[in-house]
Amino acid sequence: MKRMLSGIKPTGRLHLGNYIGAISQFKKYQDEYEMFIFIANEHAITVPIEAKDLRKNTKDLVALYLACGLDPSKATIFLQSDVSAHAKLGWVMTCMSYMGELQRMTQYKDKTAKGEAGITAGLFTYPPLMAADILLYDADYVPVGVDQKQHVELTRTLAERFNHRYSDTFKIPEPLTTKVGQKVYSLQDPTKKMSKSASDPKGTIDLLDDPAAARKKIMSAKTDSIGIIQYDPQDQPGLANLLTIQSVLTGEPVESIVSRYEGKGYGELKKEIGQTVFDFLTDLQARYNEILTSGKVDEVLKEGAEKASFIANKKIRKVYKKIGFTI
């Protein structure tokens, strides 16, 4: 079975876009691949974050992953900081990286272009740590959005550079981009991705939002003046976004939804989607609350760390021997 790895930073609350674009895919992937999913808490401190917020976000994230249907018997879920090999290989990969490569990485380049103050060295050097995250587990595939593909390309470059210098050690991973139509956009500005850092809270539905409030956000979602229910992301991006949400949450194909609403108005469609979102969040949050109080999060992370550490430590021992750290 091929191996897949993915990580997510606990820097904010998960939203509906995260579920549709990533977690719903992971639910399918865990039956098709050997899945490793880690909480990238070491990446989270590249920007300032309060310790209490990081702890809460991390626990919420794991509980929500489990509530969304990730099965720890199929997917290995663990904290990055629980596996020391990540930081160890991260330093090795930093020493394999060139300044010019890191200066071209999107996040650093964007922040410096805007003239932002207080950019940390960690923000500059986190891509080699991300490469280490992937290479430790000999991942065949890394699911990424288009904006993250650059990181996998750097990972491939560093793996090939190490292999050339020290002999074959790392598997060269392949990026696996999410399927067309799985990206979710802001409900208020459908030209931009739904984001936890967006300035307009009405555009984003958090998975821990009050379900009634989430339904209101759907009802006030921006559409258009065309008045015809059809899937046209180019000319009707707001409507296409709503149809994507309804399709993924119910499993009904977009074409079927459009067919049912032939000759009907946007208001009626929004009412159905609003109820779908309400029901989805209500059920999800019930499972989330049950998981939080059961102590299952700690149990899953402990088991995940043990399994991940066994694989990662084996790899770092091999690396240390090849570069000469082991005498």
C-alpha atoms as a PDB file:
ATOM      1  CA  MET A   1       0.000   0.000   0.000  1.00  0.00           C
ATOM      2  CA  LYS A   2       1.339   3.446  -0.952  1.00  0.00           C
ATOM      3  CA  ARG A   3       1.999   5.896   1.873  1.00  0.00           C
ATOM      4  CA  MET A   4       0.509   9.393   2.113  1.00  0.00           C
ATOM      5  CA  LEU A   5       1.435  12.150   4.571  1.00  0.00           C
ATOM      6  CA  SER A   6      -0.193  15.441   5.451  1.00  0.00           C
ATOM      7  CA  GLY A   7       0.205  18.035   8.195  1.00  0.00           C
ATOM      8  CA  ILE A   8      -1.857  20.958   9.416  1.00  0.00           C
ATOM      9  CA  LYS A   9      -0.859  23.905  11.600  1.00  0.00           C
ATOM     10  CA  PRO A  10      -2.894  24.449  14.800  1.00  0.00           C
ATOM     11  CA  THR A  11      -2.952  28.217  14.331  1.00  0.00           C
ATOM     12  CA  GLY A  12      -6.700  28.713  14.185  1.00  0.00           C
ATOM     13  CA  ARG A  13     -10.075  27.041  14.005  1.00  0.00           C
ATOM     14  CA  LEU A  14     -10.921  24.658  11.196  1.00  0.00           C
ATOM     15  CA  HIS A  15     -13.561  25.876   8.769  1.00  0.00           C
ATOM     16  CA  LEU A  16     -15.856  24.344   6.172  1.00  0.00           C
ATOM     17  CA  GLY A  17     -13.253  24.918   3.451  1.00  0.00           C
ATOM     18  CA  ASN A  18     -10.753  22.780   5.397  1.00  0.00           C
ATOM     19  CA  TYR A  19     -13.327  20.008   5.671  1.00  0.00           C
ATOM     20  CA  ILE A  20     -14.349  20.043   2.019  1.00  0.00           C
ATOM     21  CA  GLY A  21     -10.904  20.676   0.555  1.00  0.00           C
ATOM     22  CA  ALA A  22      -8.868  18.356   2.774  1.00  0.00           C
ATOM     23  CA  ILE A  23     -10.536  16.354   5.538  1.00  0.00           C
ATOM     24  CA  SER A  24     -13.314  14.918   3.352  1.00  0.00           C
ATOM     25  CA  GLN A  25     -10.574  13.741   0.971  1.00  0.00           C
ATOM     26  CA  PHE A  26      -8.558  12.230   3.850  1.00  0.00           C
ATOM     27  CA  LYS A  27     -11.604  10.149   4.804  1.00  0.00           C
ATOM     28  CA  LYS A  28     -11.414   8.533   1.363  1.00  0.00           C
ATOM     29  CA  TYR A  29      -7.621   8.348   1.276  1.00  0.00           C
ATOM     30  CA  GLN A  30      -7.397   6.468   4.593  1.00  0.00           C
ATOM     31  CA  ASP A  31      -8.995   3.468   2.853  1.00  0.00           C
ATOM     32  CA  GLU A  32      -6.698   3.721  -0.176  1.00  0.00           C
ATOM     33  CA  TYR A  33      -3.335   4.638   1.372  1.00  0.00           C
ATOM     34  CA  GLU A  34      -1.307   4.176   4.532  1.00  0.00           C
ATOM     35  CA  MET A  35      -2.069   7.609   6.015  1.00  0.00           C
ATOM     36  CA  PHE A  36       0.142   9.658   8.336  1.00  0.00           C
ATOM     37  CA  ILE A  37      -1.422  12.893   9.572  1.00  0.00           C
ATOM     38  CA  PHE A  38       0.462  15.136  11.961  1.00  0.00           C
ATOM     39  CA  ILE A  39      -0.337  18.350  13.793  1.00  0.00           C
ATOM     40  CA  ALA A  40       2.447  20.740  12.760  1.00  0.00           C
ATOM     41  CA  ASN A  41       2.840  22.507  16.101  1.00  0.00           C
ATOM     42  CA  GLU A  42       6.530  23.226  15.494  1.00  0.00           C
ATOM     43  CA  HIS A  43       5.537  25.196  12.394  1.00  0.00           C
ATOM     44  CA  ALA A  44       2.922  27.067  14.436  1.00  0.00           C
ATOM     45  CA  ILE A  45       5.528  29.092  16.351  1.00  0.00           C
ATOM     46  CA  THR A  46       7.064  30.726  13.264  1.00  0.00           C
ATOM     47  CA  VAL A  47       4.674  33.555  14.181  1.00  0.00           C
ATOM     48  CA  PRO A  48       3.789  34.584  17.759  1.00  0.00           C
ATOM     49  CA  ILE A  49       1.084  32.477  19.418  1.00  0.00           C
ATOM     50  CA  GLU A  50       0.067  32.187  23.074  1.00  0.00           C
ATOM     51  CA  ALA A  51       0.823  28.821  24.707  1.00  0.00           C
ATOM     52  CA  LYS A  52      -2.768  28.409  25.925  1.00  0.00           C
ATOM     53  CA  ASP A  53      -4.087  29.077  22.407  1.00  0.00           C
ATOM     54  CA  LEU A  54      -1.671  26.588  20.867  1.00  0.00           C
ATOM     55  CA  ARG A  55      -2.714  23.896  23.374  1.00  0.00           C
ATOM     56  CA  LYS A  56      -6.427  24.506  22.801  1.00  0.00           C
ATOM     57  CA  ASN A  57      -6.107  24.693  19.012  1.00  0.00           C
ATOM     58  CA  THR A  58      -4.119  21.460  18.969  1.00  0.00           C
ATOM     59  CA  LYS A  59      -6.620  19.532  21.050  1.00  0.00           C
ATOM     60  CA  ASP A  60      -9.561  20.954  19.086  1.00  0.00           C
ATOM     61  CA  LEU A  61      -7.880  20.031  15.829  1.00  0.00           C
ATOM     62  CA  VAL A  62      -7.395  16.392  16.777  1.00  0.00           C
ATOM     63  CA  ALA A  63     -10.923  16.106  18.190  1.00  0.00           C
ATOM     64  CA  LEU A  64     -12.392  17.621  15.014  1.00  0.00           C
ATOM     65  CA  TYR A  65     -10.348  15.309  12.784  1.00  0.00           C
ATOM     66  CA  LEU A  66     -11.728  12.335  14.697  1.00  0.00           C
ATOM     67  CA  ALA A  67     -15.258  13.759  14.693  1.00  0.00           C
ATOM     68  CA  CYS A  68     -15.032  14.271  10.924  1.00  0.00           C
ATOM     69  CA  GLY A  69     -14.394  10.576  10.396  1.00  0.00           C
ATOM     70  CA  LEU A  70     -10.646  10.006  10.495  1.00  0.00           C
ATOM     71  CA  ASP A  71     -10.089   6.548  11.959  1.00  0.00           C
ATOM     72  CA  PRO A  72      -6.930   6.099  14.095  1.00  0.00           C
ATOM     73  CA  SER A  73      -6.936   2.398  13.196  1.00  0.00           C
ATOM     74  CA  LYS A  74      -6.412   3.431   9.552  1.00  0.00           C
ATOM     75  CA  ALA A  75      -4.585   6.777   9.882  1.00  0.00           C
ATOM     76  CA  THR A  76      -1.638   7.494  12.185  1.00  0.00           C
ATOM     77  CA  ILE A  77      -2.389  10.827  13.891  1.00  0.00           C
ATOM     78  CA  PHE A  78       0.355  12.461  15.968  1.00  0.00           C
ATOM     79  CA  LEU A  79       1.983  15.687  17.140  1.00  0.00           C
ATOM     80  CA  GLN A  80       5.082  16.822  15.279  1.00  0.00           C
ATOM     81  CA  SER A  81       6.768  17.797  18.567  1.00  0.00           C
ATOM     82  CA  ASP A  82       6.225  14.288  19.984  1.00  0.00           C
ATOM     83  CA  VAL A  83       8.640  12.893  17.387  1.00  0.00           C
ATOM     84  CA  SER A  84      12.079  14.442  17.927  1.00  0.00           C
ATOM     85  CA  ALA A  85      13.334  13.200  14.552  1.00  0.00           C
ATOM     86  CA  HIS A  86      11.404  16.034  12.855  1.00  0.00           C
ATOM     87  CA  ALA A  87      13.567  18.737  14.430  1.00  0.00           C
ATOM     88  CA  LYS A  88      16.734  16.659  13.937  1.00  0.00           C
ATOM     89  CA  LEU A  89      16.171  16.084  10.236  1.00  0.00           C
ATOM     90  CA  GLY A  90      14.874  19.652   9.890  1.00  0.00           C
ATOM     91  CA  TRP A  91      18.344  20.954  10.819  1.00  0.00           C
ATOM     92  CA  VAL A  92      20.014  18.596   8.347  1.00  0.00           C
ATOM     93  CA  MET A  93      17.641  19.766   5.582  1.00  0.00           C
ATOM     94  CA  THR A  94      18.301  23.401   6.520  1.00  0.00           C
ATOM     95  CA  CYS A  95      22.003  22.745   5.962  1.00  0.00           C
ATOM     96  CA  MET A  96      21.154  21.183   2.583  1.00  0.00           C
ATOM     97  CA  SER A  97      19.195  24.285   1.505  1.00  0.00           C
ATOM     98  CA  TYR A  98      20.518  27.366  -0.266  1.00  0.00           C
ATOM     99  CA  MET A  99      19.578  30.905   0.730  1.00  0.00           C
ATOM    100  CA  GLY A 100      18.240  31.680  -2.744  1.00  0.00           C
ATOM    101  CA  GLU A 101      15.865  28.716  -2.598  1.00  0.00           C
ATOM    102  CA  LEU A 102      14.392  29.836   0.717  1.00  0.00           C
ATOM    103  CA  GLN A 103      14.115  33.459  -0.410  1.00  0.00           C
ATOM    104  CA  ARG A 104      11.889  32.316  -3.264  1.00  0.00           C
ATOM    105  CA  MET A 105       9.427  30.514  -1.003  1.00  0.00           C
ATOM    106  CA  THR A 106       6.007  32.148  -1.217  1.00  0.00           C
ATOM    107  CA  GLN A 107       5.243  32.933   2.425  1.00  0.00           C
ATOM    108  CA  TYR A 108       8.584  34.587   3.135  1.00  0.00           C
ATOM    109  CA  LYS A 109       8.628  36.383  -0.217  1.00  0.00           C
ATOM    110  CA  ASP A 110       5.095  37.757   0.246  1.00  0.00           C
ATOM    111  CA  LYS A 111       5.740  39.038   3.755  1.00  0.00           C
ATOM    112  CA  THR A 112       9.012  40.726   2.819  1.00  0.00           C
ATOM    113  CA  ALA A 113       7.410  42.267  -0.279  1.00  0.00           C
ATOM    114  CA  LYS A 114       4.757  43.827   1.979  1.00  0.00           C
ATOM    115  CA  GLY A 115       7.514  45.159   4.244  1.00  0.00           C
ATOM    116  CA  GLU A 116       6.163  43.344   7.302  1.00  0.00           C
ATOM    117  CA  ALA A 117       8.171  43.809  10.503  1.00  0.00           C
ATOM    118  CA  GLY A 118       9.198  41.050  12.899  1.00  0.00           C
ATOM    119  CA  ILE A 119       9.678  38.274  10.357  1.00  0.00           C
ATOM    120  CA  THR A 120      11.393  35.448  12.238  1.00  0.00           C
ATOM    121  CA  ALA A 121      14.265  33.256  11.094  1.00  0.00           C
ATOM    122  CA  GLY A 122      11.884  30.351  11.680  1.00  0.00           C
ATOM    123  CA  LEU A 123       9.546  31.674   8.998  1.00  0.00           C
ATOM    124  CA  PHE A 124      12.515  31.791   6.625  1.00  0.00           C
ATOM    125  CA  THR A 125      13.757  28.284   7.406  1.00  0.00           C
ATOM    126  CA  TYR A 126      10.503  26.391   7.937  1.00  0.00           C
ATOM    127  CA  PRO A 127      10.429  24.876   4.392  1.00  0.00           C
ATOM    128  CA  PRO A 128      13.409  22.564   5.168  1.00  0.00           C
ATOM    129  CA  LEU A 129      11.551  21.409   8.303  1.00  0.00           C
ATOM    130  CA  MET A 130       8.521  20.751   6.120  1.00  0.00           C
ATOM    131  CA  ALA A 131      10.760  18.715   3.829  1.00  0.00           C
ATOM    132  CA  ALA A 132      11.959  16.732   6.849  1.00  0.00           C
ATOM    133  CA  ASP A 133       8.347  16.092   7.886  1.00  0.00           C
ATOM    134  CA  ILE A 134       7.735  14.400   4.562  1.00  0.00           C
ATOM    135  CA  LEU A 135      11.052  12.606   4.022  1.00  0.00           C
ATOM    136  CA  LEU A 136      11.122  10.926   7.434  1.00  0.00           C
ATOM    137  CA  TYR A 137       8.260   8.645   6.435  1.00  0.00           C
ATOM    138  CA  ASP A 138       9.197   7.793   2.833  1.00  0.00           C
ATOM    139  CA  ALA A 139       5.870   9.260   1.750  1.00  0.00           C
ATOM    140  CA  ASP A 140       4.817   8.398  -1.798  1.00  0.00           C
ATOM    141  CA  TYR A 141       2.261  11.203  -1.960  1.00  0.00           C
ATOM    142  CA  VAL A 142       1.623  14.540  -0.254  1.00  0.00           C
ATOM    143  CA  PRO A 143      -1.847  16.039  -0.832  1.00  0.00           C
ATOM    144  CA  VAL A 144      -1.471  19.779  -1.397  1.00  0.00           C
ATOM    145  CA  GLY A 145      -3.279  22.740  -2.847  1.00  0.00           C
ATOM    146  CA  VAL A 146      -1.736  24.570  -5.793  1.00  0.00           C
ATOM    147  CA  ASP A 147      -0.270  27.204  -3.442  1.00  0.00           C
ATOM    148  CA  GLN A 148       1.598  24.512  -1.447  1.00  0.00           C
ATOM    149  CA  LYS A 149       3.015  22.593  -4.403  1.00  0.00           C
ATOM    150  CA  GLN A 150       6.190  24.714  -4.184  1.00  0.00           C
ATOM    151  CA  HIS A 151       7.030  23.110  -0.823  1.00  0.00           C
ATOM    152  CA  VAL A 152       6.852  19.603  -2.226  1.00  0.00           C
ATOM    153  CA  GLU A 153       9.062  20.662  -5.131  1.00  0.00           C
ATOM    154  CA  LEU A 154      11.687  21.925  -2.645  1.00  0.00           C
ATOM    155  CA  THR A 155      11.345  18.665  -0.706  1.00  0.00           C
ATOM    156  CA  ARG A 156      12.060  16.703  -3.891  1.00  0.00           C
ATOM    157  CA  THR A 157      15.072  18.910  -4.625  1.00  0.00           C
ATOM    158  CA  LEU A 158      16.528  18.443  -1.129  1.00  0.00           C
ATOM    159  CA  ALA A 159      15.928  14.686  -1.193  1.00  0.00           C
ATOM    160  CA  GLU A 160      17.672  14.362  -4.553  1.00  0.00           C
ATOM    161  CA  ARG A 161      20.551  16.576  -3.336  1.00  0.00           C
ATOM    162  CA  PHE A 162      21.037  14.440  -0.211  1.00  0.00           C
ATOM    163  CA  ASN A 163      20.786  11.194  -2.183  1.00  0.00           C
ATOM    164  CA  HIS A 164      23.369  12.440  -4.679  1.00  0.00           C
ATOM    165  CA  ARG A 165      25.765  13.568  -1.956  1.00  0.00           C
ATOM    166  CA  TYR A 166      25.422  10.627   0.469  1.00  0.00           C
ATOM    167  CA  SER A 167      23.795   7.796  -1.582  1.00  0.00           C
ATOM    168  CA  ASP A 168      20.133   6.787  -1.824  1.00  0.00           C
ATOM    169  CA  THR A 169      18.374   7.515   1.449  1.00  0.00           C
ATOM    170  CA  PHE A 170      15.047   9.244   0.744  1.00  0.00           C
ATOM    171  CA  LYS A 171      12.088   8.368  -1.430  1.00  0.00           C
ATOM    172  CA  ILE A 172      11.175  11.218  -3.812  1.00  0.00           C
ATOM    173  CA  PRO A 173       7.566  12.202  -2.975  1.00  0.00           C
ATOM    174  CA  GLU A 174       4.892  13.227  -5.463  1.00  0.00           C
ATOM    175  CA  PRO A 175       2.466  16.103  -4.849  1.00  0.00           C
ATOM    176  CA  LEU A 176      -1.174  15.078  -5.082  1.00  0.00           C
ATOM    177  CA  THR A 177      -3.292  18.131  -5.850  1.00  0.00           C
ATOM    178  CA  THR A 178      -6.879  18.220  -4.654  1.00  0.00           C
ATOM    179  CA  LYS A 179      -9.606  17.475  -7.155  1.00  0.00           C
ATOM    180  CA  VAL A 180     -11.165  20.197  -9.283  1.00  0.00           C
ATOM    181  CA  GLY A 181     -14.212  21.700  -7.582  1.00  0.00           C
ATOM    182  CA  GLN A 182     -13.056  20.893  -4.054  1.00  0.00           C
ATOM    183  CA  LYS A 183     -11.824  24.393  -3.229  1.00  0.00           C
ATOM    184  CA  VAL A 184     -14.270  26.450  -1.155  1.00  0.00           C
ATOM    185  CA  TYR A 185     -14.453  30.225  -1.415  1.00  0.00           C
ATOM    186  CA  SER A 186     -15.545  33.034   0.878  1.00  0.00           C
ATOM    187  CA  LEU A 187     -19.309  33.396   1.134  1.00  0.00           C
ATOM    188  CA  GLN A 188     -18.921  37.177   0.844  1.00  0.00           C
ATOM    189  CA  ASP A 189     -16.130  37.337  -1.740  1.00  0.00           C
ATOM    190  CA  PRO A 190     -16.229  34.201  -3.913  1.00  0.00           C
ATOM    191  CA  THR A 191     -13.043  35.258  -5.709  1.00  0.00           C
ATOM    192  CA  LYS A 192     -11.034  34.476  -2.541  1.00  0.00           C
ATOM    193  CA  LYS A 193     -10.569  31.216  -0.635  1.00  0.00           C
ATOM    194  CA  MET A 194     -12.508  30.660   2.561  1.00  0.00           C
ATOM    195  CA  SER A 195      -9.907  31.447   5.222  1.00  0.00           C
ATOM    196  CA  LYS A 196      -9.554  31.457   8.996  1.00  0.00           C
ATOM    197  CA  SER A 197      -7.636  34.743   8.690  1.00  0.00           C
ATOM    198  CA  ALA A 198     -10.230  36.509   6.513  1.00  0.00           C
ATOM    199  CA  SER A 199     -11.283  39.984   7.636  1.00  0.00           C
ATOM    200  CA  ASP A 200     -15.030  39.357   7.123  1.00  0.00           C
ATOM    201  CA  PRO A 201     -16.287  36.641   9.506  1.00  0.00           C
ATOM    202  CA  LYS A 202     -19.507  36.308   7.473  1.00  0.00           C
ATOM    203  CA  GLY A 203     -17.475  34.788   4.653  1.00  0.00           C
ATOM    204  CA  THR A 204     -16.198  31.825   6.665  1.00  0.00           C
ATOM    205  CA  ILE A 205     -18.067  29.022   8.420  1.00  0.00           C
ATOM    206  CA  ASP A 206     -16.017  27.577  11.290  1.00  0.00           C
ATOM    207  CA  LEU A 207     -16.671  23.944  12.131  1.00  0.00           C
ATOM    208  CA  LEU A 208     -17.334  25.108  15.710  1.00  0.00           C
ATOM    209  CA  ASP A 209     -19.678  27.927  14.675  1.00  0.00           C
ATOM    210  CA  ASP A 210     -23.151  27.946  16.173  1.00  0.00           C
ATOM    211  CA  PRO A 211     -25.164  25.963  13.574  1.00  0.00           C
ATOM    212  CA  ALA A 212     -27.928  28.582  13.478  1.00  0.00           C
ATOM    213  CA  ALA A 213     -25.368  31.341  12.850  1.00  0.00           C
ATOM    214  CA  ALA A 214     -23.809  29.242  10.079  1.00  0.00           C
ATOM    215  CA  ARG A 215     -27.211  28.849   8.441  1.00  0.00           C
ATOM    216  CA  LYS A 216     -27.600  32.646   8.460  1.00  0.00           C
ATOM    217  CA  LYS A 217     -24.213  32.995   6.747  1.00  0.00           C
ATOM    218  CA  ILE A 218     -25.431  30.726   3.951  1.00  0.00           C
ATOM    219  CA  MET A 219     -28.634  32.759   3.563  1.00  0.00           C
ATOM    220  CA  SER A 220     -26.626  35.997   3.253  1.00  0.00           C
ATOM    221  CA  ALA A 221     -24.008  34.499   0.889  1.00  0.00           C
ATOM    222  CA  LYS A 222     -23.196  36.624  -2.142  1.00  0.00           C
ATOM    223  CA  THR A 223     -24.534  35.274  -5.435  1.00  0.00           C
ATOM    224  CA  ASP A 224     -25.337  37.288  -8.609  1.00  0.00           C
ATOM    225  CA  SER A 225     -28.120  38.927 -10.598  1.00  0.00           C
ATOM    226  CA  ILE A 226     -28.283  36.315 -13.389  1.00  0.00           C
ATOM    227  CA  GLY A 227     -31.046  34.424 -11.586  1.00  0.00           C
ATOM    228  CA  ILE A 228     -30.466  31.031 -13.186  1.00  0.00           C
ATOM    229  CA  ILE A 229     -29.313  28.066 -11.101  1.00  0.00           C
ATOM    230  CA  GLN A 230     -26.423  26.500 -12.992  1.00  0.00           C
ATOM    231  CA  TYR A 231     -22.829  25.534 -12.221  1.00  0.00           C
ATOM    232  CA  ASP A 232     -20.716  28.301 -13.764  1.00  0.00           C
ATOM    233  CA  PRO A 233     -17.645  29.114 -11.611  1.00  0.00           C
ATOM    234  CA  GLN A 234     -16.517  31.768 -14.075  1.00  0.00           C
ATOM    235  CA  ASP A 235     -19.648  33.943 -14.278  1.00  0.00           C
ATOM    236  CA  GLN A 236     -21.473  32.752 -11.143  1.00  0.00           C
ATOM    237  CA  PRO A 237     -18.695  31.979  -8.620  1.00  0.00           C
ATOM    238  CA  GLY A 238     -20.849  32.554  -5.534  1.00  0.00           C
ATOM    239  CA  LEU A 239     -23.548  30.175  -6.719  1.00  0.00           C
ATOM    240  CA  ALA A 240     -20.974  27.585  -7.842  1.00  0.00           C
ATOM    241  CA  ASN A 241     -19.429  27.770  -4.369  1.00  0.00           C
ATOM    242  CA  LEU A 242     -22.789  27.057  -2.705  1.00  0.00           C
ATOM    243  CA  LEU A 243     -23.445  24.146  -5.062  1.00  0.00           C
ATOM    244  CA  THR A 244     -20.024  22.669  -4.215  1.00  0.00           C
ATOM    245  CA  ILE A 245     -20.779  22.894  -0.490  1.00  0.00           C
ATOM    246  CA  GLN A 246     -24.159  21.186  -0.906  1.00  0.00           C
ATOM    247  CA  SER A 247     -22.723  18.483  -3.165  1.00  0.00           C
ATOM    248  CA  VAL A 248     -19.836  17.520  -0.864  1.00  0.00           C
ATOM    249  CA  LEU A 249     -21.891  17.560   2.340  1.00  0.00           C
ATOM    250  CA  THR A 250     -24.732  15.454   0.896  1.00  0.00           C
ATOM    251  CA  GLY A 251     -22.925  13.346  -1.710  1.00  0.00           C
ATOM    252  CA  GLU A 252     -25.415  14.464  -4.370  1.00  0.00           C
ATOM    253  CA  PRO A 253     -23.766  15.362  -7.708  1.00  0.00           C
ATOM    254  CA  VAL A 254     -23.870  19.048  -8.647  1.00  0.00           C
ATOM    255  CA  GLU A 255     -25.696  18.184 -11.893  1.00  0.00           C
ATOM    256  CA  SER A 256     -28.499  16.549  -9.908  1.00  0.00           C
ATOM    257  CA  ILE A 257     -28.884  19.582  -7.620  1.00  0.00           C
ATOM    258  CA  VAL A 258     -29.003  21.932 -10.622  1.00  0.00           C
ATOM    259  CA  SER A 259     -31.607  19.718 -12.293  1.00  0.00           C
ATOM    260  CA  ARG A 260     -33.834  19.727  -9.182  1.00  0.00           C
ATOM    261  CA  TYR A 261     -33.731  23.520  -9.054  1.00  0.00           C
ATOM    262  CA  GLU A 262     -34.547  24.214 -12.687  1.00  0.00           C
ATOM    263  CA  GLY A 263     -36.835  27.247 -12.781  1.00  0.00           C
ATOM    264  CA  LYS A 264     -36.488  27.910  -9.051  1.00  0.00           C
ATOM    265  CA  GLY A 265     -34.838  30.803  -7.214  1.00  0.00           C
ATOM    266  CA  TYR A 266     -31.661  31.310  -5.213  1.00  0.00           C
ATOM    267  CA  GLY A 267     -33.567  31.808  -1.955  1.00  0.00           C
ATOM    268  CA  GLU A 268     -35.029  28.312  -2.056  1.00  0.00           C
ATOM    269  CA  LEU A 269     -31.628  26.796  -2.834  1.00  0.00           C
ATOM    270  CA  LYS A 270     -29.950  28.731  -0.011  1.00  0.00           C
ATOM    271  CA  LYS A 271     -32.612  27.525   2.404  1.00  0.00           C
ATOM    272  CA  GLU A 272     -31.818  23.876   1.590  1.00  0.00           C
ATOM    273  CA  ILE A 273     -28.047  24.416   1.776  1.00  0.00           C
ATOM    274  CA  GLY A 274     -28.428  26.342   5.036  1.00  0.00           C
ATOM    275  CA  GLN A 275     -30.304  23.392   6.550  1.00  0.00           C
ATOM    276  CA  THR A 276     -27.675  20.960   5.234  1.00  0.00           C
ATOM    277  CA  VAL A 277     -24.908  22.982   6.899  1.00  0.00           C
ATOM    278  CA  PHE A 278     -26.956  23.294  10.105  1.00  0.00           C
ATOM    279  CA  ASP A 279     -27.466  19.512  10.305  1.00  0.00           C
ATOM    280  CA  PHE A 280     -23.831  18.776   9.411  1.00  0.00           C
ATOM    281  CA  LEU A 281     -22.442  21.083  12.117  1.00  0.00           C
ATOM    282  CA  THR A 282     -24.942  19.895  14.729  1.00  0.00           C
ATOM    283  CA  ASP A 283     -23.942  16.245  14.244  1.00  0.00           C
ATOM    284  CA  LEU A 284     -20.236  17.059  13.973  1.00  0.00           C
ATOM    285  CA  GLN A 285     -20.155  19.148  17.148  1.00  0.00           C
ATOM    286  CA  ALA A 286     -21.995  16.461  19.106  1.00  0.00           C
ATOM    287  CA  ARG A 287     -19.281  13.955  18.157  1.00  0.00           C
ATOM    288  CA  TYR A 288     -16.557  16.543  18.841  1.00  0.00           C
ATOM    289  CA  ASN A 289     -17.841  17.246  22.368  1.00  0.00           C
ATOM    290  CA  GLU A 290     -18.115  13.532  23.112  1.00  0.00           C
ATOM    291  CA  ILE A 291     -14.514  12.948  21.945  1.00  0.00           C
ATOM    292  CA  LEU A 292     -13.167  15.876  23.998  1.00  0.00           C
ATOM    293  CA  THR A 293     -14.683  14.583  27.224  1.00  0.00           C
ATOM    294  CA  SER A 294     -13.747  10.938  26.613  1.00  0.00           C
ATOM    295  CA  GLY A 295      -9.959  11.356  26.792  1.00  0.00           C
ATOM    296  CA  LYS A 296      -9.652   9.814  23.331  1.00  0.00           C
ATOM    297  CA  VAL A 297      -7.467  12.663  22.020  1.00  0.00           C
ATOM    298  CA  ASP A 298      -4.610  11.843  24.415  1.00  0.00           C
ATOM    299  CA  GLU A 299      -4.940   8.134  23.670  1.00  0.00           C
ATOM    300  CA  VAL A 300      -4.823   8.652  19.883  1.00  0.00           C
ATOM    301  CA  LEU A 301      -1.814  10.999  20.085  1.00  0.00           C
ATOM    302  CA  LYS A 302       0.114   8.594  22.329  1.00  0.00           C
ATOM    303  CA  GLU A 303      -0.432   5.662  19.966  1.00  0.00           C
ATOM    304  CA  GLY A 304       0.294   7.834  16.941  1.00  0.00           C
ATOM    305  CA  ALA A 305       3.556   9.145  18.394  1.00  0.00           C
ATOM    306  CA  GLU A 306       4.754   5.607  19.138  1.00  0.00           C
ATOM    307  CA  LYS A 307       4.107   4.386  15.612  1.00  0.00           C
ATOM    308  CA  ALA A 308       5.498   7.533  13.949  1.00  0.00           C
ATOM    309  CA  SER A 309       8.592   7.547  16.190  1.00  0.00           C
ATOM    310  CA  PHE A 310       9.445   3.963  15.301  1.00  0.00           C
ATOM    311  CA  ILE A 311       9.560   4.825  11.584  1.00  0.00           C
ATOM    312  CA  ALA A 312      11.101   8.297  11.949  1.00  0.00           C
ATOM    313  CA  ASN A 313      13.842   7.225  14.360  1.00  0.00           C
ATOM    314  CA  LYS A 314      14.878   4.444  12.018  1.00  0.00           C
ATOM    315  CA  LYS A 315      15.284   7.001   9.232  1.00  0.00           C
ATOM    316  CA  ILE A 316      17.178   9.568  11.328  1.00  0.00           C
ATOM    317  CA  ARG A 317      19.632   6.905  12.494  1.00  0.00           C
ATOM    318  CA  LYS A 318      20.342   6.106   8.863  1.00  0.00           C
ATOM    319  CA  VAL A 319      20.812   9.807   8.055  1.00  0.00           C
ATOM    320  CA  TYR A 320      23.108  10.426  11.045  1.00  0.00           C
ATOM    321  CA  LYS A 321      25.308   7.503  10.034  1.00  0.00           C
ATOM    322  CA  LYS A 322      25.597   8.697   6.425  1.00  0.00           C
ATOM    323  CA  ILE A 323      26.521  12.290   7.268  1.00  0.00           C
ATOM    324  CA  GLY A 324      29.038  11.257   9.923  1.00  0.00           C
ATOM    325  CA  PHE A 325      27.232  12.153  13.156  1.00  0.00           C
ATOM    326  CA  THR A 326      27.424   8.546  14.318  1.00  0.00           C
ATOM    327  CA  ILE A 327      31.018   7.676  15.306  1.00  0.00           C
END
